[in-house]
Each structure stands twice: as C-alpha cells, then as structure tokens.
C-alpha atoms as a PDB file:
ATOM      1  CA  MET A   1      -5.854 -24.542   1.526  1.00  0.00           C
ATOM      2  CA  LEU A   2      -7.569 -21.900  -0.904  1.00  0.00           C
ATOM      3  CA  PHE A   3     -10.916 -22.435   0.632  1.00  0.00           C
ATOM      4  CA  VAL A   4     -10.669 -23.042   4.641  1.00  0.00           C
ATOM      5  CA  ASN A   5     -10.124 -19.944   6.921  1.00  0.00           C
ATOM      6  CA  PRO A   6      -7.440 -19.818   8.698  1.00  0.00           C
ATOM      7  CA  PHE A   7      -8.716 -18.091  11.478  1.00  0.00           C
ATOM      8  CA  SER A   8     -11.116 -20.207  12.273  1.00  0.00           C
ATOM      9  CA  VAL A   9      -8.820 -22.826  12.428  1.00  0.00           C
ATOM     10  CA  LEU A  10      -6.885 -21.316  14.950  1.00  0.00           C
ATOM     11  CA  ALA A  11      -9.868 -19.959  17.008  1.00  0.00           C
ATOM     12  CA  GLU A  12      -9.990 -23.700  18.162  1.00  0.00           C
ATOM     13  CA  SER A  13      -6.814 -23.305  20.033  1.00  0.00           C
ATOM     14  CA  VAL A  14      -7.006 -19.422  20.625  1.00  0.00           C
ATOM     15  CA  SER A  15     -10.099 -17.267  21.955  1.00  0.00           C
ATOM     16  CA  PRO A  16     -11.764 -15.505  18.948  1.00  0.00           C
ATOM     17  CA  ILE A  17     -11.467 -12.303  21.356  1.00  0.00           C
ATOM     18  CA  PHE A  18      -7.651 -12.270  21.274  1.00  0.00           C
ATOM     19  CA  LEU A  19      -7.686 -12.057  17.211  1.00  0.00           C
ATOM     20  CA  GLN A  20     -10.053  -9.316  17.486  1.00  0.00           C
ATOM     21  CA  ILE A  21      -8.000  -7.521  20.285  1.00  0.00           C
ATOM     22  CA  PHE A  22      -4.894  -8.067  18.087  1.00  0.00           C
ATOM     23  CA  VAL A  23      -6.713  -6.433  14.735  1.00  0.00           C
ATOM     24  CA  ILE A  24      -7.851  -3.400  16.646  1.00  0.00           C
ATOM     25  CA  ALA A  25      -4.295  -3.060  17.827  1.00  0.00           C
ATOM     26  CA  MET A  26      -2.360  -2.441  14.834  1.00  0.00           C
ATOM     27  CA  ILE A  27      -5.420  -0.172  13.473  1.00  0.00           C
ATOM     28  CA  ILE A  28      -4.571   1.913  16.848  1.00  0.00           C
ATOM     29  CA  LEU A  29      -0.915   1.620  16.272  1.00  0.00           C
ATOM     30  CA  VAL A  30      -1.720   3.145  12.345  1.00  0.00           C
ATOM     31  CA  ILE A  31      -3.629   6.087  13.650  1.00  0.00           C
ATOM     32  CA  VAL A  32      -0.819   6.918  16.424  1.00  0.00           C
ATOM     33  CA  GLY A  33       2.201   6.541  13.653  1.00  0.00           C
ATOM     34  CA  THR A  34       0.673   8.614  11.131  1.00  0.00           C
ATOM     35  CA  LEU A  35      -0.065  11.196  13.710  1.00  0.00           C
ATOM     36  CA  VAL A  36       3.239  11.415  15.341  1.00  0.00           C
ATOM     37  CA  ASP A  37       4.577  11.434  11.626  1.00  0.00           C
ATOM     38  CA  ILE A  38       2.028  14.490  10.838  1.00  0.00           C
ATOM     39  CA  ILE A  39       2.977  16.241  13.890  1.00  0.00           C
ATOM     40  CA  HIS A  40       6.696  15.267  13.639  1.00  0.00           C
ATOM     41  CA  LYS A  41       6.731  16.118  10.010  1.00  0.00           C
ATOM     42  CA  LYS A  42       4.452  18.937   9.650  1.00  0.00           C
ATOM     43  CA  ASN A  43       3.405  17.777   6.342  1.00  0.00           C
ATOM     44  CA  VAL A  44      -0.070  18.148   6.682  1.00  0.00           C
ATOM     45  CA  LYS A  45       0.480  21.461   7.471  1.00  0.00           C
ATOM     46  CA  TYR A  46       2.757  22.508   4.507  1.00  0.00           C
ATOM     47  CA  PHE A  47      -0.034  20.881   2.559  1.00  0.00           C
ATOM     48  CA  PHE A  48      -2.858  23.265   3.442  1.00  0.00           C
ATOM     49  CA  GLU A  49      -0.531  26.188   3.523  1.00  0.00           C
ATOM     50  CA  ASN A  50       0.679  25.850   0.488  1.00  0.00           C
ATOM     51  CA  ALA A  51      -2.713  25.203  -1.306  1.00  0.00           C
ATOM     52  CA  LYS A  52      -3.790  27.804   0.515  1.00  0.00           C
ATOM     53  CA  LYS A  53      -1.246  30.218  -1.031  1.00  0.00           C
ATOM     54  CA  ALA A  54      -2.012  28.548  -4.249  1.00  0.00           C
ATOM     55  CA  LYS A  55      -5.355  29.971  -4.344  1.00  0.00           C
ATOM     56  CA  LEU A  56      -4.256  33.439  -4.234  1.00  0.00           C
ATOM     57  CA  SER A  57      -2.554  32.989  -7.735  1.00  0.00           C
ATOM     58  CA  ALA A  58      -5.951  31.063  -9.053  1.00  0.00           C
ATOM     59  CA  THR A  59      -6.779  32.518 -12.674  1.00  0.00           C
ATOM     60  CA  LYS A  60     -10.429  30.218 -12.387  1.00  0.00           C
ATOM     61  CA  LYS A  61     -12.907  30.355  -9.628  1.00  0.00           C
ATOM     62  CA  LEU A  62     -13.968  26.321  -9.895  1.00  0.00           C
ATOM     63  CA  THR A  63     -17.777  25.912  -9.493  1.00  0.00           C
ATOM     64  CA  THR A  64     -18.849  22.951  -6.993  1.00  0.00           C
ATOM     65  CA  GLY A  65     -19.578  21.067  -9.678  1.00  0.00           C
ATOM     66  CA  GLU A  66     -16.075  21.209 -11.379  1.00  0.00           C
ATOM     67  CA  LYS A  67     -14.514  20.439  -8.177  1.00  0.00           C
ATOM     68  CA  ILE A  68     -16.582  17.167  -8.083  1.00  0.00           C
ATOM     69  CA  SER A  69     -15.639  16.004 -11.814  1.00  0.00           C
ATOM     70  CA  VAL A  70     -11.720  16.962 -10.951  1.00  0.00           C
ATOM     71  CA  ILE A  71     -11.506  14.981  -7.568  1.00  0.00           C
ATOM     72  CA  SER A  72     -13.987  12.081  -9.546  1.00  0.00           C
ATOM     73  CA  LYS A  73     -11.173  11.791 -12.270  1.00  0.00           C
ATOM     74  CA  THR A  74      -8.324  11.994  -9.993  1.00  0.00           C
ATOM     75  CA  ILE A  75      -9.596   9.111  -7.652  1.00  0.00           C
ATOM     76  CA  VAL A  76     -10.659   6.722 -10.870  1.00  0.00           C
ATOM     77  CA  SER A  77      -7.456   7.924 -12.492  1.00  0.00           C
ATOM     78  CA  ASP A  78      -4.580   8.950 -10.176  1.00  0.00           C
ATOM     79  CA  ILE A  79      -5.691   6.586  -7.336  1.00  0.00           C
ATOM     80  CA  ALA A  80      -7.711   3.512  -7.998  1.00  0.00           C
ATOM     81  CA  THR A  81      -5.007   2.733 -11.378  1.00  0.00           C
ATOM     82  CA  THR A  82      -2.189   4.766 -10.423  1.00  0.00           C
ATOM     83  CA  SER A  83      -1.951   6.561 -14.033  1.00  0.00           C
ATOM     84  CA  GLU A  84       0.698   8.608 -13.140  1.00  0.00           C
ATOM     85  CA  LEU A  85       3.267   5.940 -13.004  1.00  0.00           C
ATOM     86  CA  GLY A  86       2.172   5.742 -16.787  1.00  0.00           C
ATOM     87  CA  ALA A  87       2.041   2.095 -18.486  1.00  0.00           C
ATOM     88  CA  GLY A  88       4.670  -0.391 -17.914  1.00  0.00           C
ATOM     89  CA  LYS A  89       5.945  -2.964 -15.235  1.00  0.00           C
ATOM     90  CA  ARG A  90       6.213  -0.504 -12.346  1.00  0.00           C
ATOM     91  CA  ARG A  91       2.694   0.167 -12.637  1.00  0.00           C
ATOM     92  CA  ALA A  92       1.552  -3.340 -13.103  1.00  0.00           C
ATOM     93  CA  ALA A  93       3.421  -4.348 -10.004  1.00  0.00           C
ATOM     94  CA  HIS A  94       2.237  -0.971  -7.601  1.00  0.00           C
ATOM     95  CA  LEU A  95      -1.377  -2.252  -8.819  1.00  0.00           C
ATOM     96  CA  LEU A  96      -1.101  -5.929  -7.954  1.00  0.00           C
ATOM     97  CA  GLY A  97       0.323  -4.589  -4.741  1.00  0.00           C
ATOM     98  CA  MET A  98      -1.948  -2.748  -4.103  1.00  0.00           C
ATOM     99  CA  TYR A  99      -4.891  -4.576  -4.931  1.00  0.00           C
ATOM    100  CA  GLY A 100      -3.714  -7.368  -3.189  1.00  0.00           C
ATOM    101  CA  THR A 101      -3.184  -5.956   0.073  1.00  0.00           C
ATOM    102  CA  ILE A 102      -6.613  -4.483   0.110  1.00  0.00           C
ATOM    103  CA  LEU A 103      -8.067  -7.858  -0.551  1.00  0.00           C
ATOM    104  CA  PHE A 104      -5.898  -9.128   2.071  1.00  0.00           C
ATOM    105  CA  TRP A 105      -6.599  -7.004   4.669  1.00  0.00           C
ATOM    106  CA  ILE A 106     -10.155  -6.474   3.538  1.00  0.00           C
ATOM    107  CA  SER A 107     -11.156 -10.322   3.651  1.00  0.00           C
ATOM    108  CA  SER A 108      -8.821 -10.529   7.150  1.00  0.00           C
ATOM    109  CA  VAL A 109     -11.236  -7.980   8.772  1.00  0.00           C
ATOM    110  CA  ILE A 110     -14.244 -10.187   7.583  1.00  0.00           C
ATOM    111  CA  MET A 111     -12.813 -13.457   8.632  1.00  0.00           C
ATOM    112  CA  ILE A 112     -11.994 -12.463  11.961  1.00  0.00           C
ATOM    113  CA  PHE A 113     -14.936 -10.399  13.204  1.00  0.00           C
ATOM    114  CA  CYS A 114     -17.498 -12.352  11.701  1.00  0.00           C
ATOM    115  CA  TYR A 115     -16.221 -16.202  11.021  1.00  0.00           C
ATOM    116  CA  SER A 116     -13.699 -16.438  13.486  1.00  0.00           C
ATOM    117  CA  SER A 117     -15.648 -18.848  15.576  1.00  0.00           C
ATOM    118  CA  PRO A 118     -14.666 -22.458  15.337  1.00  0.00           C
ATOM    119  CA  SER A 119     -18.548 -23.426  14.580  1.00  0.00           C
ATOM    120  CA  SER A 120     -19.057 -20.325  12.219  1.00  0.00           C
ATOM    121  CA  ASP A 121     -19.318 -21.633   8.376  1.00  0.00           C
ATOM    122  CA  THR A 122     -17.207 -19.069   6.972  1.00  0.00           C
ATOM    123  CA  PRO A 123     -18.160 -18.499   2.973  1.00  0.00           C
ATOM    124  CA  THR A 124     -15.661 -20.106   0.604  1.00  0.00           C
ATOM    125  CA  ALA A 125     -15.203 -16.435  -1.285  1.00  0.00           C
ATOM    126  CA  TRP A 126     -13.366 -15.025   1.780  1.00  0.00           C
ATOM    127  CA  PRO A 127     -10.775 -17.633   2.541  1.00  0.00           C
ATOM    128  CA  PHE A 128     -10.345 -17.384  -1.700  1.00  0.00           C
ATOM    129  CA  ILE A 129     -10.023 -14.080  -1.837  1.00  0.00           C
ATOM    130  CA  TRP A 130      -7.451 -14.064   1.449  1.00  0.00           C
ATOM    131  CA  HIS A 131      -4.710 -16.263  -0.364  1.00  0.00           C
ATOM    132  CA  ILE A 132      -5.177 -14.575  -4.160  1.00  0.00           C
ATOM    133  CA  GLY A 133      -4.904 -11.380  -1.679  1.00  0.00           C
ATOM    134  CA  ALA A 134      -1.437 -12.661  -0.261  1.00  0.00           C
ATOM    135  CA  ILE A 135      -0.326 -14.007  -3.448  1.00  0.00           C
ATOM    136  CA  MET A 136      -1.100 -10.778  -5.274  1.00  0.00           C
ATOM    137  CA  THR A 137       0.679  -8.882  -2.528  1.00  0.00           C
ATOM    138  CA  VAL A 138       3.788 -11.282  -2.603  1.00  0.00           C
ATOM    139  CA  LEU A 139       3.852 -11.405  -6.217  1.00  0.00           C
ATOM    140  CA  GLY A 140       3.796  -7.302  -6.755  1.00  0.00           C
ATOM    141  CA  GLY A 141       5.670  -6.471  -4.221  1.00  0.00           C
ATOM    142  CA  CYS A 142       8.917  -9.220  -5.014  1.00  0.00           C
ATOM    143  CA  TRP A 143       8.673  -7.665  -8.507  1.00  0.00           C
ATOM    144  CA  PHE A 144       9.364  -3.962  -7.311  1.00  0.00           C
ATOM    145  CA  TRP A 145      11.647  -5.167  -4.840  1.00  0.00           C
ATOM    146  CA  PHE A 146      14.013  -7.450  -7.096  1.00  0.00           C
ATOM    147  CA  PHE A 147      13.586  -5.791 -10.548  1.00  0.00           C
ATOM    148  CA  LEU A 148      12.117  -2.080 -10.218  1.00  0.00           C
ATOM    149  CA  ARG A 149      13.464  -0.269  -7.135  1.00  0.00           C
ATOM    150  CA  VAL A 150      15.200   2.588  -8.591  1.00  0.00           C
ATOM    151  CA  ASP A 151      18.578   2.306  -6.426  1.00  0.00           C
ATOM    152  CA  VAL A 152      19.016  -1.366  -7.777  1.00  0.00           C
ATOM    153  CA  TYR A 153      17.503  -0.279 -11.380  1.00  0.00           C
ATOM    154  CA  SER A 154      19.225   2.702 -11.912  1.00  0.00           C
ATOM    155  CA  GLU A 155      21.998   3.154  -9.453  1.00  0.00           C
ATOM    156  CA  ALA A 156      23.701  -0.179  -9.586  1.00  0.00           C
ATOM    157  CA  GLN A 157      22.993  -0.936  -5.966  1.00  0.00           C
ATOM    158  CA  PRO A 158      22.763  -4.475  -4.852  1.00  0.00           C
ATOM    159  CA  TRP A 159      18.893  -6.052  -4.136  1.00  0.00           C
ATOM    160  CA  TYR A 160      19.956  -6.692  -0.819  1.00  0.00           C
ATOM    161  CA  ARG A 161      21.315  -3.247   0.081  1.00  0.00           C
ATOM    162  CA  ILE A 162      18.355  -2.060   2.822  1.00  0.00           C
ATOM    163  CA  ILE A 163      17.654   1.342   4.054  1.00  0.00           C
ATOM    164  CA  LYS A 164      14.814   2.524   6.823  1.00  0.00           C
ATOM    165  CA  ALA A 165      12.582   3.467   3.386  1.00  0.00           C
ATOM    166  CA  ASP A 166      12.491  -0.092   3.007  1.00  0.00           C
ATOM    167  CA  LEU A 167      10.609  -1.381   6.351  1.00  0.00           C
ATOM    168  CA  PHE A 168       6.952  -0.604   4.290  1.00  0.00           C
ATOM    169  CA  VAL A 169       7.864  -3.089   1.531  1.00  0.00           C
ATOM    170  CA  LEU A 170       9.693  -5.666   2.901  1.00  0.00           C
ATOM    171  CA  ALA A 171       7.218  -5.877   6.403  1.00  0.00           C
ATOM    172  CA  LEU A 172       4.621  -6.029   3.418  1.00  0.00           C
ATOM    173  CA  ILE A 173       5.692  -8.881   1.819  1.00  0.00           C
ATOM    174  CA  ALA A 174       6.785 -10.778   4.792  1.00  0.00           C
ATOM    175  CA  THR A 175       3.475 -10.538   6.388  1.00  0.00           C
ATOM    176  CA  SER A 176       1.943 -12.001   2.949  1.00  0.00           C
ATOM    177  CA  LEU A 177       4.591 -14.877   2.572  1.00  0.00           C
ATOM    178  CA  PHE A 178       4.266 -15.815   6.183  1.00  0.00           C
ATOM    179  CA  GLY A 179       0.398 -15.855   6.066  1.00  0.00           C
ATOM    180  CA  LEU A 180       0.473 -17.984   3.128  1.00  0.00           C
ATOM    181  CA  ILE A 181       3.064 -20.861   4.603  1.00  0.00           C
ATOM    182  CA  TRP A 182       1.143 -20.743   8.028  1.00  0.00           C
ATOM    183  CA  SER A 183      -2.029 -21.393   6.517  1.00  0.00           C
ATOM    184  CA  TYR A 184      -0.429 -24.117   3.872  1.00  0.00           C
ATOM    185  CA  LEU A 185       1.152 -25.600   7.132  1.00  0.00           C
ATOM    186  CA  GLN A 186      -1.948 -25.205   9.408  1.00  0.00           C
ATOM    187  CA  ASN A 187      -3.945 -26.996   6.207  1.00  0.00           C
ATOM    188  CA  LEU A 188      -2.355 -30.002   6.174  1.00  0.00           C
ATOM    189  CA  ASN A 189      -3.460 -31.343   9.642  1.00  0.00           C
ATOM    190  CA  LEU A 190      -0.989 -33.439  10.293  1.00  0.00           C
ATOM    191  CA  ASN A 191      -0.054 -34.601  14.555  1.00  0.00           C
ATOM    192  CA  GLU A 192       2.326 -32.722  16.741  1.00  0.00           C
ATOM    193  CA  ARG A 193       3.312 -30.295  14.342  1.00  0.00           C
ATOM    194  CA  TRP A 194       5.001 -27.590  15.332  1.00  0.00           C
ATOM    195  CA  ASP A 195       6.077 -25.589  12.251  1.00  0.00           C
ATOM    196  CA  ASP A 196       2.758 -23.673  11.458  1.00  0.00           C
ATOM    197  CA  LYS A 197       3.243 -22.277  14.815  1.00  0.00           C
ATOM    198  CA  VAL A 198       6.525 -21.135  14.291  1.00  0.00           C
ATOM    199  CA  PHE A 199       5.217 -19.458  10.658  1.00  0.00           C
ATOM    200  CA  LEU A 200       2.162 -18.189  12.729  1.00  0.00           C
ATOM    201  CA  VAL A 201       4.770 -16.178  15.196  1.00  0.00           C
ATOM    202  CA  PHE A 202       6.665 -15.065  12.007  1.00  0.00           C
ATOM    203  CA  TYR A 203       3.164 -13.935  11.089  1.00  0.00           C
ATOM    204  CA  ILE A 204       2.287 -11.890  13.570  1.00  0.00           C
ATOM    205  CA  VAL A 205       6.060 -10.241  14.045  1.00  0.00           C
ATOM    206  CA  SER A 206       5.560  -8.859  10.803  1.00  0.00           C
ATOM    207  CA  ASN A 207       2.509  -7.577  11.110  1.00  0.00           C
ATOM    208  CA  LEU A 208       3.582  -5.901  14.367  1.00  0.00           C
ATOM    209  CA  ILE A 209       6.576  -4.183  12.190  1.00  0.00           C
ATOM    210  CA  LEU A 210       4.269  -3.404   9.636  1.00  0.00           C
ATOM    211  CA  PHE A 211       1.792  -1.868  11.646  1.00  0.00           C
ATOM    212  CA  GLY A 212       4.049  -0.465  14.455  1.00  0.00           C
ATOM    213  CA  GLY A 213       6.644   0.853  11.926  1.00  0.00           C
ATOM    214  CA  VAL A 214       4.211   3.345  10.521  1.00  0.00           C
ATOM    215  CA  TYR A 215       6.771   6.316  11.834  1.00  0.00           C
ATOM    216  CA  TRP A 216       9.832   4.834  10.248  1.00  0.00           C
ATOM    217  CA  SER A 217       8.331   3.728   6.773  1.00  0.00           C
ATOM    218  CA  LYS A 218       6.614   5.147   4.193  1.00  0.00           C
ATOM    219  CA  PHE A 219       2.984   3.627   5.109  1.00  0.00           C
ATOM    220  CA  ALA A 220       1.439   6.850   5.948  1.00  0.00           C
ATOM    221  CA  HIS A 221       2.488   8.061   2.411  1.00  0.00           C
ATOM    222  CA  MET A 222      -1.012   6.201   1.781  1.00  0.00           C
ATOM    223  CA  PHE A 223      -2.974   8.555   3.368  1.00  0.00           C
ATOM    224  CA  TYR A 224      -0.954  11.561   2.068  1.00  0.00           C
ATOM    225  CA  LYS A 225      -0.747  10.341  -1.638  1.00  0.00           C
ATOM    226  CA  PRO A 226      -4.341  10.616  -2.335  1.00  0.00           C
ATOM    227  CA  GLY A 227      -4.620  13.791  -1.051  1.00  0.00           C
ATOM    228  CA  ALA A 228      -1.774  15.357  -2.628  1.00  0.00           C
ATOM    229  CA  ALA A 229      -3.280  14.339  -5.918  1.00  0.00           C
ATOM    230  CA  ILE A 230      -6.484  15.678  -5.727  1.00  0.00           C
ATOM    231  CA  GLN A 231      -4.613  18.828  -4.568  1.00  0.00           C
ATOM    232  CA  LYS A 232      -2.420  19.174  -7.960  1.00  0.00           C
ATOM    233  CA  ASN A 233      -5.109  18.310 -10.553  1.00  0.00           C
ATOM    234  CA  LEU A 234      -7.606  20.982  -8.517  1.00  0.00           C
ATOM    235  CA  ALA A 235      -4.443  23.371  -9.114  1.00  0.00           C
ATOM    236  CA  GLU A 236      -4.244  22.826 -12.814  1.00  0.00           C
ATOM    237  CA  ALA A 237      -7.556  23.070 -13.564  1.00  0.00           C
ATOM    238  CA  ASP A 238      -8.383  26.482 -11.269  1.00  0.00           C
ATOM    239  CA  GLY A 239      -4.958  27.544 -12.988  1.00  0.00           C
ATOM    240  CA  SER A 240      -2.631  28.114  -9.882  1.00  0.00           C
ATOM    241  CA  ARG A 241      -0.623  25.206 -10.793  1.00  0.00           C
ATOM    242  CA  ASP A 242       0.944  24.822  -7.318  1.00  0.00           C
ATOM    243  CA  ASN A 243       2.635  28.469  -8.354  1.00  0.00           C
ATOM    244  CA  LEU A 244       4.928  26.372 -10.427  1.00  0.00           C
ATOM    245  CA  PRO A 245       5.210  28.107 -13.830  1.00  0.00           C
ATOM    246  CA  PRO A 246       3.371  27.101 -16.557  1.00  0.00           C
ATOM    247  CA  GLU A 247       4.499  24.338 -19.643  1.00  0.00           C
ATOM    248  CA  SER A 248       6.521  25.891 -22.131  1.00  0.00           C
ATOM    249  CA  ASP A 249       5.628  25.679 -25.919  1.00  0.00           C
ATOM    250  CA  ALA A 250       9.610  25.864 -26.830  1.00  0.00           C
ATOM    251  CA  PRO A 251      10.225  22.122 -28.817  1.00  0.00           C
ATOM    252  CA  LYS A 252      12.098  19.456 -26.326  1.00  0.00           C
ATOM    253  CA  GLN A 253      15.979  19.168 -27.511  1.00  0.00           C
ATOM    254  CA  PHE A 254      17.901  16.524 -25.894  1.00  0.00           C
ATOM    255  CA  GLY A 255      20.566  15.390 -27.785  1.00  0.00           C
ATOM    256  CA  LEU A 256      21.351  12.825 -30.255  1.00  0.00           C
ATOM    257  CA  GLY A 257      22.453  10.306 -26.611  1.00  0.00           C
ATOM    258  CA  ILE A 258      18.784   9.984 -25.845  1.00  0.00           C
ATOM    259  CA  THR A 259      18.611   7.448 -27.887  1.00  0.00           C
ATOM    260  CA  ARG A 260      21.522   5.164 -27.077  1.00  0.00           C
ATOM    261  CA  GLU A 261      19.228   3.696 -24.385  1.00  0.00           C
ATOM    262  CA  ASP A 262      15.760   3.400 -23.062  1.00  0.00           C
ATOM    263  CA  PRO A 263      15.355   6.079 -20.544  1.00  0.00           C
ATOM    264  CA  LYS A 264      15.451   4.386 -16.738  1.00  0.00           C
ATOM    265  CA  HIS A 265      17.151   7.052 -14.864  1.00  0.00           C
ATOM    266  CA  TYR A 266      15.331   9.206 -12.270  1.00  0.00           C
END
C-alpha cells in the first residue's frame, strides 16, 4: 500500500483530467477564499498601515544586508521550526502536522499531474511520501485536537466541543485519514468492493470542506503568520518594536503561587 499510487489506480475508472481539474479547482477556492478574507477582515490593510506607522518610530535604518539577515533567520527559526512555540508538545504536534501536510499536498499534486495515467510508472518514493505525510498529519492533528487545545487543556472544555475556528484542523485530519483508509481499501483489490468508493467520497468531501472553507476557517492564517513574523522581527531590529514599549529591566515578581503547578493557562 505504501508504495502504490492511489490516483493511478483511480485513473483506471476516472479520467486523469478530472483529477487535475479537481486540484486546480481547490487551488482556485483557496485563492478566492483568501482574497474574500482579506477584503472583509482588512487584515492586510491593517498590517501595512501598522508597519508604515512603526517605521516613523524606528531608531535605526536597516541596510539591505541586515534586512535579508533578519528575514532569513525568521524563515529558518520562526517559520520553518516554529520556535515561538518553545520546546515541548505543542511545537512537536505543530511540526508533525505542518510538515506532514506539506508532504501530503506536494506528493498529491505530483502524482496527479505526472503519474495519474494507468500506464505511467510512478516512482515508489512519491506514494511513500504521500502515505507518510498523511500519517504525520493525522498524528499531529489528533495530538493537538485531543490533548493540546487551549479550551480543552486549560479551560476544561470537552474535546468534542466544536466551534467555527476548528473547521481547519478537523478538515485537515479528515482529509488525511480518509485518504489513508481509501488507499488501504483500494489496495485490497477485492472483487465487487464498495467501501473504498465510500471513503473516496469522504475524501473528496473533506477536501471540499478544507479548501472551500478558507473564509470560515483558519486556513488563511498560514499566509498571514509568516508575514507577521517577518514584520515583528524587522520592527525589533530597527527599534520601532511595532510602537510597543521596550522591555523592562525590573525583576519578575509572581508570588509563591507560581510554583504550585506547571504553567498551562493562556
């Protein structure tokens, strides 16, 4: 199963062109949903206006080399390794889900556009990456959903409580999980099977919810966060600090209660 391209098998009954059109449609949904989110919430407008205002209070003019250095460090540290989460379970779960999703999506696009023909010979690396990426996404997403969500971990809310903000992570887990189950059932290659088609439908629907629900979920945050992290580090480097006061040199005083339990409140 790990080394079989599920889209190549599917192409025996569905034309590869339909698979490719579906992927293009999902990309269009993401673009449209993100643009609508930008127009309605005005996040990007606020971001640029805030950055422009912060430059007025800068104490140092950064050279091109210094800007490149700050941006490079931000990409390597804040974006690629999510260092702002610190060392711990939350960061590990986030990295599992993030890199699992990247591997899952990239391998999906490559297999659909390059190796979806029944006669094509798919390199075993791509199906393996697709399955491993899906497994990583499910593990990271479920770890976060059941054990690390703030409202569950710190506010004693039940794990099954679902709000609009949960649409992204749930659809992401469902897409990867249904994809794995569909691939497994399809690989059994038994006569007159119907259950693989059921999970194929679930896989398609979960993709539609994931990519079509950008406006209502946190999907668009994936595009905002890197820009916000770069702007934050540039503001610290030029001294503007996004118009926030500098850190105090006074000693931290929390009282004896701080030692009673490990910090887990947000």
